[in-house]
N, C-alpha and C. Protein backbone atom coordinates (compact mmCIF):
# COMPACT_ATOMS: atom_id res chain seq x y z
N MET A 1 14.96 -13.42 -18.76
CA MET A 1 16.04 -13.47 -17.80
C MET A 1 15.61 -14.36 -16.63
N SER A 2 16.52 -15.18 -16.14
CA SER A 2 16.20 -16.08 -15.03
C SER A 2 16.02 -15.29 -13.73
N LEU A 3 15.32 -15.89 -12.77
CA LEU A 3 15.08 -15.22 -11.50
C LEU A 3 16.41 -14.90 -10.82
N GLY A 4 17.35 -15.84 -10.85
CA GLY A 4 18.65 -15.60 -10.23
C GLY A 4 19.34 -14.38 -10.81
N ASN A 5 19.30 -14.23 -12.12
CA ASN A 5 19.92 -13.07 -12.77
C ASN A 5 19.19 -11.78 -12.43
N ILE A 6 17.86 -11.84 -12.35
CA ILE A 6 17.08 -10.65 -11.97
C ILE A 6 17.46 -10.22 -10.55
N LEU A 7 17.58 -11.19 -9.65
CA LEU A 7 17.93 -10.86 -8.27
C LEU A 7 19.32 -10.25 -8.19
N LYS A 8 20.28 -10.82 -8.92
CA LYS A 8 21.64 -10.27 -8.93
C LYS A 8 21.63 -8.84 -9.45
N LYS A 9 20.84 -8.59 -10.47
CA LYS A 9 20.77 -7.26 -11.08
C LYS A 9 20.22 -6.22 -10.12
N HIS A 10 19.25 -6.60 -9.28
CA HIS A 10 18.54 -5.62 -8.46
C HIS A 10 18.90 -5.64 -6.98
N THR A 11 19.65 -6.63 -6.52
CA THR A 11 20.00 -6.67 -5.09
C THR A 11 20.98 -5.55 -4.77
N ARG A 12 20.88 -5.05 -3.56
CA ARG A 12 21.78 -3.98 -3.09
C ARG A 12 22.53 -4.47 -1.87
N LYS A 13 23.68 -3.89 -1.65
CA LYS A 13 24.42 -4.17 -0.42
C LYS A 13 23.71 -3.43 0.69
N SER A 14 23.00 -4.17 1.51
CA SER A 14 22.16 -3.57 2.53
C SER A 14 21.96 -4.57 3.66
N ALA A 15 21.74 -4.04 4.85
CA ALA A 15 21.41 -4.90 5.99
C ALA A 15 19.97 -5.40 5.89
N LYS A 16 19.16 -4.70 5.12
CA LYS A 16 17.75 -5.08 4.93
C LYS A 16 17.69 -6.27 3.97
N VAL A 17 17.03 -7.33 4.39
CA VAL A 17 16.94 -8.54 3.58
C VAL A 17 15.50 -8.79 3.16
N ALA A 18 15.35 -9.11 1.90
CA ALA A 18 14.06 -9.58 1.38
C ALA A 18 14.28 -11.02 0.93
N TYR A 19 13.45 -11.91 1.43
CA TYR A 19 13.56 -13.32 1.11
C TYR A 19 12.66 -13.61 -0.07
N ILE A 20 13.12 -14.48 -0.93
CA ILE A 20 12.34 -14.82 -2.11
C ILE A 20 12.36 -16.33 -2.27
N TYR A 21 11.20 -16.88 -2.58
CA TYR A 21 11.09 -18.33 -2.68
C TYR A 21 10.08 -18.68 -3.76
N THR A 22 10.29 -19.82 -4.39
CA THR A 22 9.38 -20.30 -5.43
C THR A 22 8.60 -21.50 -4.91
N PHE A 23 7.29 -21.43 -5.01
CA PHE A 23 6.39 -22.46 -4.52
C PHE A 23 5.69 -23.14 -5.69
N ASP A 24 5.44 -24.43 -5.56
CA ASP A 24 4.66 -25.15 -6.56
C ASP A 24 3.18 -24.93 -6.29
N SER A 25 2.39 -24.89 -7.37
CA SER A 25 0.94 -24.81 -7.24
C SER A 25 0.34 -25.64 -8.37
N PRO A 26 -0.95 -25.93 -8.29
CA PRO A 26 -1.60 -26.70 -9.36
C PRO A 26 -1.58 -26.01 -10.72
N ILE A 27 -1.31 -24.71 -10.74
CA ILE A 27 -1.34 -23.98 -12.01
C ILE A 27 -0.01 -23.28 -12.32
N GLY A 28 1.06 -23.78 -11.72
CA GLY A 28 2.38 -23.26 -12.04
C GLY A 28 3.14 -22.79 -10.82
N LYS A 29 4.38 -22.46 -11.03
CA LYS A 29 5.25 -22.01 -9.94
C LYS A 29 4.94 -20.57 -9.57
N ILE A 30 4.86 -20.33 -8.26
CA ILE A 30 4.56 -19.02 -7.72
C ILE A 30 5.80 -18.49 -7.00
N ILE A 31 6.17 -17.27 -7.33
CA ILE A 31 7.27 -16.59 -6.66
C ILE A 31 6.67 -15.68 -5.60
N ALA A 32 7.24 -15.73 -4.39
CA ALA A 32 6.81 -14.81 -3.34
C ALA A 32 8.05 -14.18 -2.72
N CYS A 33 7.91 -12.92 -2.33
CA CYS A 33 9.01 -12.16 -1.75
C CYS A 33 8.49 -11.46 -0.49
N ALA A 34 9.28 -11.57 0.58
CA ALA A 34 8.87 -10.96 1.86
C ALA A 34 10.09 -10.59 2.68
N ASP A 35 9.90 -9.63 3.57
CA ASP A 35 10.89 -9.39 4.61
C ASP A 35 10.32 -10.01 5.88
N ASP A 36 10.77 -9.56 7.05
CA ASP A 36 10.27 -10.16 8.29
C ASP A 36 8.91 -9.62 8.72
N ASN A 37 8.36 -8.67 7.94
CA ASN A 37 7.07 -8.08 8.31
C ASN A 37 5.97 -8.26 7.27
N TYR A 38 6.32 -8.22 5.99
CA TYR A 38 5.31 -8.19 4.94
C TYR A 38 5.70 -9.04 3.74
N VAL A 39 4.66 -9.49 3.03
CA VAL A 39 4.84 -10.05 1.69
C VAL A 39 4.73 -8.88 0.72
N TYR A 40 5.72 -8.76 -0.16
CA TYR A 40 5.76 -7.66 -1.13
C TYR A 40 5.36 -8.11 -2.53
N LEU A 41 5.46 -9.40 -2.78
CA LEU A 41 5.24 -9.89 -4.14
C LEU A 41 4.73 -11.32 -4.11
N VAL A 42 3.70 -11.57 -4.92
CA VAL A 42 3.24 -12.93 -5.23
C VAL A 42 2.88 -12.90 -6.70
N CYS A 43 3.60 -13.69 -7.50
CA CYS A 43 3.32 -13.74 -8.93
C CYS A 43 3.71 -15.10 -9.47
N PHE A 44 3.25 -15.41 -10.65
CA PHE A 44 3.67 -16.65 -11.28
C PHE A 44 5.04 -16.45 -11.91
N GLU A 45 5.79 -17.52 -11.97
CA GLU A 45 7.19 -17.49 -12.38
C GLU A 45 7.41 -16.78 -13.72
N GLU A 46 6.53 -17.01 -14.68
CA GLU A 46 6.74 -16.42 -16.00
C GLU A 46 6.02 -15.09 -16.19
N SER A 47 5.62 -14.47 -15.09
CA SER A 47 4.96 -13.16 -15.17
C SER A 47 5.87 -12.16 -15.87
N ALA A 48 5.30 -11.42 -16.79
CA ALA A 48 6.06 -10.41 -17.53
C ALA A 48 6.51 -9.28 -16.62
N ASN A 49 5.85 -9.10 -15.49
CA ASN A 49 6.14 -7.98 -14.60
C ASN A 49 7.10 -8.30 -13.46
N VAL A 50 7.60 -9.53 -13.37
CA VAL A 50 8.38 -9.92 -12.19
C VAL A 50 9.62 -9.03 -12.01
N GLU A 51 10.34 -8.75 -13.07
CA GLU A 51 11.53 -7.92 -12.90
C GLU A 51 11.15 -6.50 -12.47
N LYS A 52 10.14 -5.94 -13.09
CA LYS A 52 9.70 -4.59 -12.73
C LYS A 52 9.27 -4.53 -11.26
N MET A 53 8.55 -5.56 -10.81
CA MET A 53 8.08 -5.59 -9.43
C MET A 53 9.26 -5.70 -8.45
N LEU A 54 10.23 -6.55 -8.76
CA LEU A 54 11.39 -6.69 -7.88
C LEU A 54 12.23 -5.41 -7.86
N LYS A 55 12.33 -4.75 -8.98
CA LYS A 55 13.04 -3.47 -9.04
C LYS A 55 12.36 -2.45 -8.13
N THR A 56 11.03 -2.41 -8.17
CA THR A 56 10.28 -1.49 -7.31
C THR A 56 10.52 -1.81 -5.84
N ILE A 57 10.49 -3.09 -5.48
CA ILE A 57 10.74 -3.48 -4.08
C ILE A 57 12.13 -3.01 -3.66
N THR A 58 13.13 -3.25 -4.50
CA THR A 58 14.50 -2.83 -4.20
C THR A 58 14.56 -1.33 -3.96
N GLU A 59 13.92 -0.57 -4.84
CA GLU A 59 13.95 0.89 -4.72
C GLU A 59 13.22 1.37 -3.46
N ARG A 60 12.15 0.71 -3.09
CA ARG A 60 11.36 1.16 -1.94
C ARG A 60 11.94 0.76 -0.60
N ILE A 61 12.50 -0.46 -0.50
CA ILE A 61 12.99 -0.90 0.82
C ILE A 61 14.51 -1.06 0.86
N ASN A 62 15.21 -0.80 -0.26
CA ASN A 62 16.68 -0.84 -0.30
C ASN A 62 17.21 -2.15 0.30
N CYS A 63 16.99 -3.23 -0.41
CA CYS A 63 17.26 -4.56 0.16
C CYS A 63 18.22 -5.39 -0.69
N GLN A 64 18.72 -6.41 -0.04
CA GLN A 64 19.39 -7.49 -0.76
C GLN A 64 18.42 -8.68 -0.75
N TYR A 65 18.51 -9.52 -1.78
CA TYR A 65 17.63 -10.67 -1.90
C TYR A 65 18.36 -11.94 -1.50
N ILE A 66 17.66 -12.78 -0.76
CA ILE A 66 18.16 -14.10 -0.39
C ILE A 66 17.10 -15.10 -0.80
N GLU A 67 17.50 -16.14 -1.52
CA GLU A 67 16.55 -17.15 -1.98
C GLU A 67 16.38 -18.24 -0.92
N GLU A 68 15.49 -17.96 0.01
CA GLU A 68 15.10 -18.94 1.02
C GLU A 68 13.82 -18.45 1.69
N LYS A 69 13.20 -19.34 2.47
CA LYS A 69 11.97 -18.99 3.17
C LYS A 69 12.29 -18.38 4.54
N ASN A 70 11.47 -17.45 4.94
CA ASN A 70 11.48 -16.95 6.30
C ASN A 70 10.10 -17.25 6.92
N LYS A 71 9.84 -16.73 8.11
CA LYS A 71 8.56 -17.02 8.79
C LYS A 71 7.36 -16.52 8.00
N ILE A 72 7.47 -15.33 7.42
CA ILE A 72 6.35 -14.79 6.64
C ILE A 72 6.08 -15.66 5.42
N LEU A 73 7.13 -16.10 4.74
CA LEU A 73 6.94 -16.96 3.57
C LEU A 73 6.45 -18.35 3.96
N GLU A 74 6.81 -18.82 5.16
CA GLU A 74 6.25 -20.08 5.64
C GLU A 74 4.74 -19.95 5.87
N LEU A 75 4.33 -18.81 6.42
CA LEU A 75 2.89 -18.56 6.60
C LEU A 75 2.21 -18.48 5.24
N PHE A 76 2.82 -17.77 4.29
CA PHE A 76 2.25 -17.70 2.95
C PHE A 76 2.14 -19.09 2.35
N GLU A 77 3.17 -19.91 2.48
CA GLU A 77 3.14 -21.27 1.92
C GLU A 77 1.98 -22.06 2.51
N TYR A 78 1.79 -21.97 3.81
CA TYR A 78 0.67 -22.66 4.46
C TYR A 78 -0.66 -22.16 3.89
N GLU A 79 -0.81 -20.83 3.80
CA GLU A 79 -2.07 -20.28 3.33
C GLU A 79 -2.32 -20.58 1.86
N ILE A 80 -1.32 -20.53 1.01
CA ILE A 80 -1.55 -20.79 -0.42
C ILE A 80 -1.92 -22.27 -0.62
N ARG A 81 -1.34 -23.15 0.17
CA ARG A 81 -1.73 -24.58 0.08
C ARG A 81 -3.17 -24.77 0.54
N GLU A 82 -3.53 -24.11 1.62
CA GLU A 82 -4.91 -24.18 2.11
C GLU A 82 -5.87 -23.61 1.06
N TYR A 83 -5.47 -22.52 0.42
CA TYR A 83 -6.28 -21.92 -0.64
C TYR A 83 -6.51 -22.92 -1.77
N PHE A 84 -5.44 -23.52 -2.27
CA PHE A 84 -5.59 -24.46 -3.37
C PHE A 84 -6.30 -25.74 -2.95
N ASP A 85 -6.30 -26.06 -1.66
CA ASP A 85 -7.07 -27.21 -1.16
C ASP A 85 -8.54 -26.84 -0.93
N GLY A 86 -8.90 -25.58 -1.17
CA GLY A 86 -10.28 -25.14 -1.00
C GLY A 86 -10.66 -24.84 0.43
N LYS A 87 -9.69 -24.75 1.32
CA LYS A 87 -9.96 -24.55 2.75
C LYS A 87 -9.82 -23.09 3.19
N LEU A 88 -9.09 -22.28 2.42
CA LEU A 88 -8.85 -20.89 2.80
C LEU A 88 -9.58 -19.97 1.83
N LYS A 89 -10.38 -19.07 2.37
CA LYS A 89 -11.16 -18.15 1.53
C LYS A 89 -10.58 -16.74 1.55
N LYS A 90 -9.84 -16.39 2.60
CA LYS A 90 -9.26 -15.05 2.75
C LYS A 90 -7.89 -15.18 3.40
N PHE A 91 -6.91 -14.56 2.78
CA PHE A 91 -5.54 -14.61 3.28
C PHE A 91 -5.37 -13.69 4.48
N THR A 92 -4.51 -14.11 5.42
CA THR A 92 -4.21 -13.29 6.60
C THR A 92 -2.76 -12.84 6.62
N VAL A 93 -1.94 -13.39 5.74
CA VAL A 93 -0.53 -13.01 5.71
C VAL A 93 -0.44 -11.50 5.45
N PRO A 94 0.40 -10.79 6.21
CA PRO A 94 0.48 -9.33 6.01
C PRO A 94 1.16 -8.97 4.69
N ILE A 95 0.57 -8.01 3.99
CA ILE A 95 1.13 -7.59 2.70
C ILE A 95 1.43 -6.09 2.73
N LYS A 96 2.32 -5.68 1.87
CA LYS A 96 2.64 -4.27 1.67
C LYS A 96 2.59 -4.01 0.18
N THR A 97 1.84 -2.98 -0.21
CA THR A 97 1.69 -2.66 -1.63
C THR A 97 2.41 -1.36 -1.95
N PHE A 98 2.87 -1.26 -3.18
CA PHE A 98 3.47 -0.03 -3.71
C PHE A 98 2.70 0.34 -4.96
N GLY A 99 2.12 1.51 -4.96
CA GLY A 99 1.36 1.95 -6.12
C GLY A 99 0.79 3.34 -5.88
N SER A 100 0.09 3.83 -6.88
CA SER A 100 -0.56 5.13 -6.75
C SER A 100 -1.75 5.02 -5.80
N GLU A 101 -2.27 6.17 -5.40
CA GLU A 101 -3.45 6.16 -4.52
C GLU A 101 -4.62 5.46 -5.22
N PHE A 102 -4.78 5.71 -6.52
CA PHE A 102 -5.86 5.07 -7.27
C PHE A 102 -5.67 3.55 -7.28
N GLN A 103 -4.47 3.08 -7.56
CA GLN A 103 -4.21 1.64 -7.57
C GLN A 103 -4.52 1.03 -6.21
N LYS A 104 -4.06 1.68 -5.15
CA LYS A 104 -4.32 1.15 -3.80
C LYS A 104 -5.82 1.12 -3.50
N GLU A 105 -6.55 2.12 -3.99
CA GLU A 105 -8.00 2.14 -3.80
C GLU A 105 -8.64 0.95 -4.52
N VAL A 106 -8.19 0.67 -5.74
CA VAL A 106 -8.70 -0.49 -6.49
C VAL A 106 -8.38 -1.77 -5.73
N TRP A 107 -7.13 -1.92 -5.29
CA TRP A 107 -6.73 -3.15 -4.60
C TRP A 107 -7.52 -3.35 -3.31
N ASP A 108 -7.79 -2.26 -2.58
CA ASP A 108 -8.61 -2.37 -1.37
C ASP A 108 -10.02 -2.85 -1.71
N LYS A 109 -10.60 -2.31 -2.79
CA LYS A 109 -11.95 -2.72 -3.20
C LYS A 109 -11.95 -4.19 -3.66
N LEU A 110 -10.87 -4.62 -4.31
CA LEU A 110 -10.79 -6.02 -4.74
C LEU A 110 -10.86 -6.96 -3.54
N MET A 111 -10.26 -6.55 -2.43
CA MET A 111 -10.24 -7.38 -1.23
C MET A 111 -11.65 -7.55 -0.64
N GLU A 112 -12.57 -6.70 -1.04
CA GLU A 112 -13.95 -6.78 -0.55
C GLU A 112 -14.82 -7.72 -1.39
N ILE A 113 -14.35 -8.12 -2.55
CA ILE A 113 -15.15 -9.01 -3.40
C ILE A 113 -15.16 -10.40 -2.77
N PRO A 114 -16.33 -10.93 -2.48
CA PRO A 114 -16.40 -12.24 -1.80
C PRO A 114 -15.79 -13.37 -2.63
N TYR A 115 -15.17 -14.29 -1.94
CA TYR A 115 -14.62 -15.51 -2.52
C TYR A 115 -15.70 -16.21 -3.35
N GLY A 116 -15.32 -16.68 -4.50
CA GLY A 116 -16.25 -17.44 -5.34
C GLY A 116 -17.19 -16.59 -6.18
N THR A 117 -17.01 -15.27 -6.15
CA THR A 117 -17.87 -14.38 -6.94
C THR A 117 -16.99 -13.54 -7.87
N THR A 118 -17.65 -12.91 -8.83
CA THR A 118 -16.96 -12.00 -9.74
C THR A 118 -17.76 -10.71 -9.89
N LYS A 119 -17.08 -9.67 -10.33
CA LYS A 119 -17.70 -8.40 -10.67
C LYS A 119 -17.08 -7.93 -11.96
N THR A 120 -17.74 -6.98 -12.60
CA THR A 120 -17.14 -6.40 -13.80
C THR A 120 -16.25 -5.22 -13.39
N TYR A 121 -15.33 -4.89 -14.28
CA TYR A 121 -14.46 -3.74 -14.08
C TYR A 121 -15.30 -2.47 -13.90
N GLY A 122 -16.34 -2.33 -14.71
CA GLY A 122 -17.21 -1.16 -14.65
C GLY A 122 -17.96 -1.06 -13.33
N THR A 123 -18.44 -2.20 -12.82
CA THR A 123 -19.14 -2.21 -11.54
C THR A 123 -18.22 -1.75 -10.42
N LEU A 124 -16.99 -2.23 -10.43
CA LEU A 124 -16.04 -1.82 -9.40
C LEU A 124 -15.75 -0.32 -9.51
N ALA A 125 -15.60 0.18 -10.74
CA ALA A 125 -15.38 1.62 -10.93
C ALA A 125 -16.54 2.42 -10.33
N LYS A 126 -17.77 1.98 -10.58
CA LYS A 126 -18.94 2.67 -10.03
C LYS A 126 -18.95 2.63 -8.51
N GLU A 127 -18.57 1.48 -7.93
CA GLU A 127 -18.53 1.35 -6.47
C GLU A 127 -17.48 2.27 -5.86
N MET A 128 -16.50 2.65 -6.66
CA MET A 128 -15.47 3.59 -6.21
C MET A 128 -15.89 5.04 -6.43
N GLY A 129 -17.14 5.24 -6.92
CA GLY A 129 -17.65 6.58 -7.15
C GLY A 129 -17.22 7.19 -8.47
N ARG A 130 -16.80 6.34 -9.39
CA ARG A 130 -16.37 6.80 -10.71
C ARG A 130 -17.31 6.25 -11.77
N ALA A 131 -17.23 6.82 -12.94
CA ALA A 131 -18.05 6.34 -14.05
C ALA A 131 -17.55 4.97 -14.51
N ALA A 132 -18.46 4.20 -15.10
CA ALA A 132 -18.09 2.88 -15.63
C ALA A 132 -16.99 3.00 -16.67
N SER A 133 -16.87 4.16 -17.28
CA SER A 133 -15.82 4.38 -18.29
C SER A 133 -14.42 4.30 -17.67
N HIS A 134 -14.31 4.30 -16.37
CA HIS A 134 -13.02 4.13 -15.70
C HIS A 134 -12.61 2.65 -15.62
N SER A 135 -13.38 1.79 -16.28
CA SER A 135 -13.08 0.35 -16.19
C SER A 135 -11.69 0.02 -16.71
N ARG A 136 -11.21 0.73 -17.73
CA ARG A 136 -9.85 0.47 -18.22
C ARG A 136 -8.80 0.84 -17.18
N ALA A 137 -9.02 1.92 -16.47
CA ALA A 137 -8.09 2.32 -15.41
C ALA A 137 -8.10 1.29 -14.28
N VAL A 138 -9.28 0.76 -13.98
CA VAL A 138 -9.39 -0.31 -12.98
C VAL A 138 -8.61 -1.54 -13.47
N GLY A 139 -8.77 -1.89 -14.75
CA GLY A 139 -8.04 -3.01 -15.32
C GLY A 139 -6.54 -2.80 -15.28
N ALA A 140 -6.10 -1.58 -15.54
CA ALA A 140 -4.66 -1.28 -15.48
C ALA A 140 -4.14 -1.43 -14.05
N ALA A 141 -4.94 -1.03 -13.08
CA ALA A 141 -4.54 -1.21 -11.68
C ALA A 141 -4.43 -2.69 -11.34
N CYS A 142 -5.34 -3.48 -11.89
CA CYS A 142 -5.25 -4.94 -11.69
C CYS A 142 -3.96 -5.48 -12.29
N GLY A 143 -3.59 -4.98 -13.46
CA GLY A 143 -2.37 -5.41 -14.11
C GLY A 143 -1.12 -5.06 -13.32
N ALA A 144 -1.21 -4.05 -12.46
CA ALA A 144 -0.08 -3.63 -11.62
C ALA A 144 -0.08 -4.32 -10.26
N ASN A 145 -1.05 -5.17 -10.01
CA ASN A 145 -1.17 -5.88 -8.74
C ASN A 145 0.01 -6.82 -8.56
N ALA A 146 0.78 -6.62 -7.50
CA ALA A 146 1.95 -7.47 -7.22
C ALA A 146 1.63 -8.60 -6.25
N HIS A 147 0.36 -8.82 -5.95
CA HIS A 147 -0.05 -9.86 -5.00
C HIS A 147 -1.14 -10.74 -5.60
N ILE A 148 -0.79 -11.42 -6.69
CA ILE A 148 -1.74 -12.30 -7.37
C ILE A 148 -2.37 -13.26 -6.36
N ILE A 149 -3.63 -13.50 -6.48
CA ILE A 149 -4.48 -14.37 -5.65
C ILE A 149 -4.78 -13.73 -4.30
N ILE A 150 -3.78 -13.20 -3.58
CA ILE A 150 -4.04 -12.56 -2.29
C ILE A 150 -4.94 -11.34 -2.50
N ILE A 151 -4.55 -10.45 -3.41
CA ILE A 151 -5.43 -9.36 -3.85
C ILE A 151 -6.13 -9.92 -5.09
N PRO A 152 -7.39 -10.29 -4.96
CA PRO A 152 -8.05 -11.12 -5.98
C PRO A 152 -8.49 -10.40 -7.25
N CYS A 153 -7.52 -9.94 -8.02
CA CYS A 153 -7.86 -9.28 -9.29
C CYS A 153 -8.52 -10.26 -10.27
N HIS A 154 -8.34 -11.54 -10.04
CA HIS A 154 -8.98 -12.55 -10.90
C HIS A 154 -10.51 -12.50 -10.79
N ARG A 155 -11.02 -11.88 -9.75
CA ARG A 155 -12.47 -11.81 -9.55
C ARG A 155 -13.12 -10.70 -10.36
N LEU A 156 -12.32 -9.93 -11.08
CA LEU A 156 -12.87 -8.90 -11.97
C LEU A 156 -12.89 -9.43 -13.39
N ILE A 157 -14.03 -9.25 -14.04
CA ILE A 157 -14.19 -9.70 -15.43
C ILE A 157 -14.75 -8.57 -16.27
N ALA A 158 -14.57 -8.69 -17.57
CA ALA A 158 -15.16 -7.72 -18.49
C ALA A 158 -16.63 -8.05 -18.69
N THR A 159 -17.38 -7.14 -19.22
CA THR A 159 -18.81 -7.34 -19.44
C THR A 159 -19.07 -8.50 -20.40
N THR A 160 -18.24 -8.64 -21.42
CA THR A 160 -18.49 -9.65 -22.45
C THR A 160 -17.46 -10.78 -22.48
N SER A 161 -16.48 -10.75 -21.55
CA SER A 161 -15.47 -11.80 -21.53
C SER A 161 -14.88 -11.89 -20.12
N LYS A 162 -13.90 -12.75 -19.95
CA LYS A 162 -13.23 -12.87 -18.66
C LYS A 162 -12.31 -11.69 -18.40
N GLY A 163 -12.00 -10.91 -19.42
CA GLY A 163 -11.06 -9.79 -19.26
C GLY A 163 -9.64 -10.30 -19.32
N GLY A 164 -8.71 -9.50 -18.87
CA GLY A 164 -7.31 -9.87 -18.91
C GLY A 164 -6.83 -10.45 -17.60
N PHE A 165 -5.60 -10.92 -17.60
CA PHE A 165 -4.96 -11.43 -16.39
C PHE A 165 -3.48 -11.50 -16.68
N SER A 166 -2.68 -10.84 -15.87
CA SER A 166 -1.25 -10.73 -16.15
C SER A 166 -0.54 -12.08 -16.19
N CYS A 167 -1.17 -13.10 -15.66
CA CYS A 167 -0.55 -14.44 -15.62
C CYS A 167 -1.24 -15.41 -16.57
N GLY A 168 -2.06 -14.91 -17.47
CA GLY A 168 -2.71 -15.75 -18.45
C GLY A 168 -4.18 -15.99 -18.16
N ILE A 169 -4.99 -15.90 -19.18
CA ILE A 169 -6.44 -16.05 -19.04
C ILE A 169 -6.81 -17.47 -18.62
N ASP A 170 -6.03 -18.49 -19.04
CA ASP A 170 -6.32 -19.86 -18.61
C ASP A 170 -6.22 -19.99 -17.09
N ARG A 171 -5.22 -19.35 -16.51
CA ARG A 171 -5.09 -19.37 -15.04
C ARG A 171 -6.26 -18.64 -14.38
N LYS A 172 -6.64 -17.51 -14.95
CA LYS A 172 -7.75 -16.76 -14.38
C LYS A 172 -9.01 -17.62 -14.38
N GLU A 173 -9.29 -18.27 -15.49
CA GLU A 173 -10.47 -19.14 -15.57
C GLU A 173 -10.39 -20.27 -14.57
N TRP A 174 -9.18 -20.87 -14.42
CA TRP A 174 -8.99 -21.97 -13.47
C TRP A 174 -9.28 -21.48 -12.05
N ILE A 175 -8.74 -20.32 -11.68
CA ILE A 175 -8.92 -19.78 -10.32
C ILE A 175 -10.38 -19.45 -10.05
N ILE A 176 -11.05 -18.83 -11.02
CA ILE A 176 -12.47 -18.51 -10.85
C ILE A 176 -13.28 -19.79 -10.64
N LYS A 177 -13.04 -20.81 -11.45
CA LYS A 177 -13.75 -22.09 -11.31
C LYS A 177 -13.43 -22.73 -9.97
N HIS A 178 -12.17 -22.72 -9.60
CA HIS A 178 -11.73 -23.29 -8.32
C HIS A 178 -12.50 -22.65 -7.16
N GLU A 179 -12.58 -21.34 -7.15
CA GLU A 179 -13.27 -20.66 -6.07
C GLU A 179 -14.77 -20.95 -6.09
N LYS A 180 -15.36 -20.99 -7.26
CA LYS A 180 -16.80 -21.30 -7.35
C LYS A 180 -17.06 -22.71 -6.84
N ASP A 181 -16.17 -23.66 -7.16
CA ASP A 181 -16.33 -25.03 -6.70
C ASP A 181 -16.30 -25.16 -5.19
N PHE A 182 -15.50 -24.31 -4.53
CA PHE A 182 -15.35 -24.41 -3.08
C PHE A 182 -16.11 -23.35 -2.30
N ALA A 183 -16.85 -22.49 -2.99
CA ALA A 183 -17.53 -21.37 -2.32
C ALA A 183 -18.66 -21.82 -1.42
N SER A 184 -19.31 -22.91 -1.74
CA SER A 184 -20.49 -23.30 -0.95
C SER A 184 -20.15 -24.07 0.29
């Protein structure tokens, strides 16, 4: 389903507005959604979860969608360009997440992983005080991340492979290499 049709399906008659805009990047089009305070969504255009994520935003903030940029999305655009130019290592744009307490705990820990480095799912589980066997639950929380790149789930890898990535393993590999190239 096209983005326009998804927005029509989930928009509500409301005074609350969520702005949505599509940005170009070196690895594909990025959709971002924000109100006047927070970014609620950053994903690639063909993400399998985009409709589910927009439905969640609608349910949580009871909004109508408008396809244009606002000040928060202008800040995001500046920061994502700086990121892809290798100049930005940590995003400052304010975000709002919707998820379980466990998911939010995973996302907070992901934000602590330094730019240009990776960890395994099991290592992150252990750092959260859980057994390494919780690595699948950590991976599932990464799959529910609605803020691709800002919450750096790409920095988590499996012990024997790159692991999964909701936007494609080729993109994950590109982002990891990009960060390693600019980390020094």
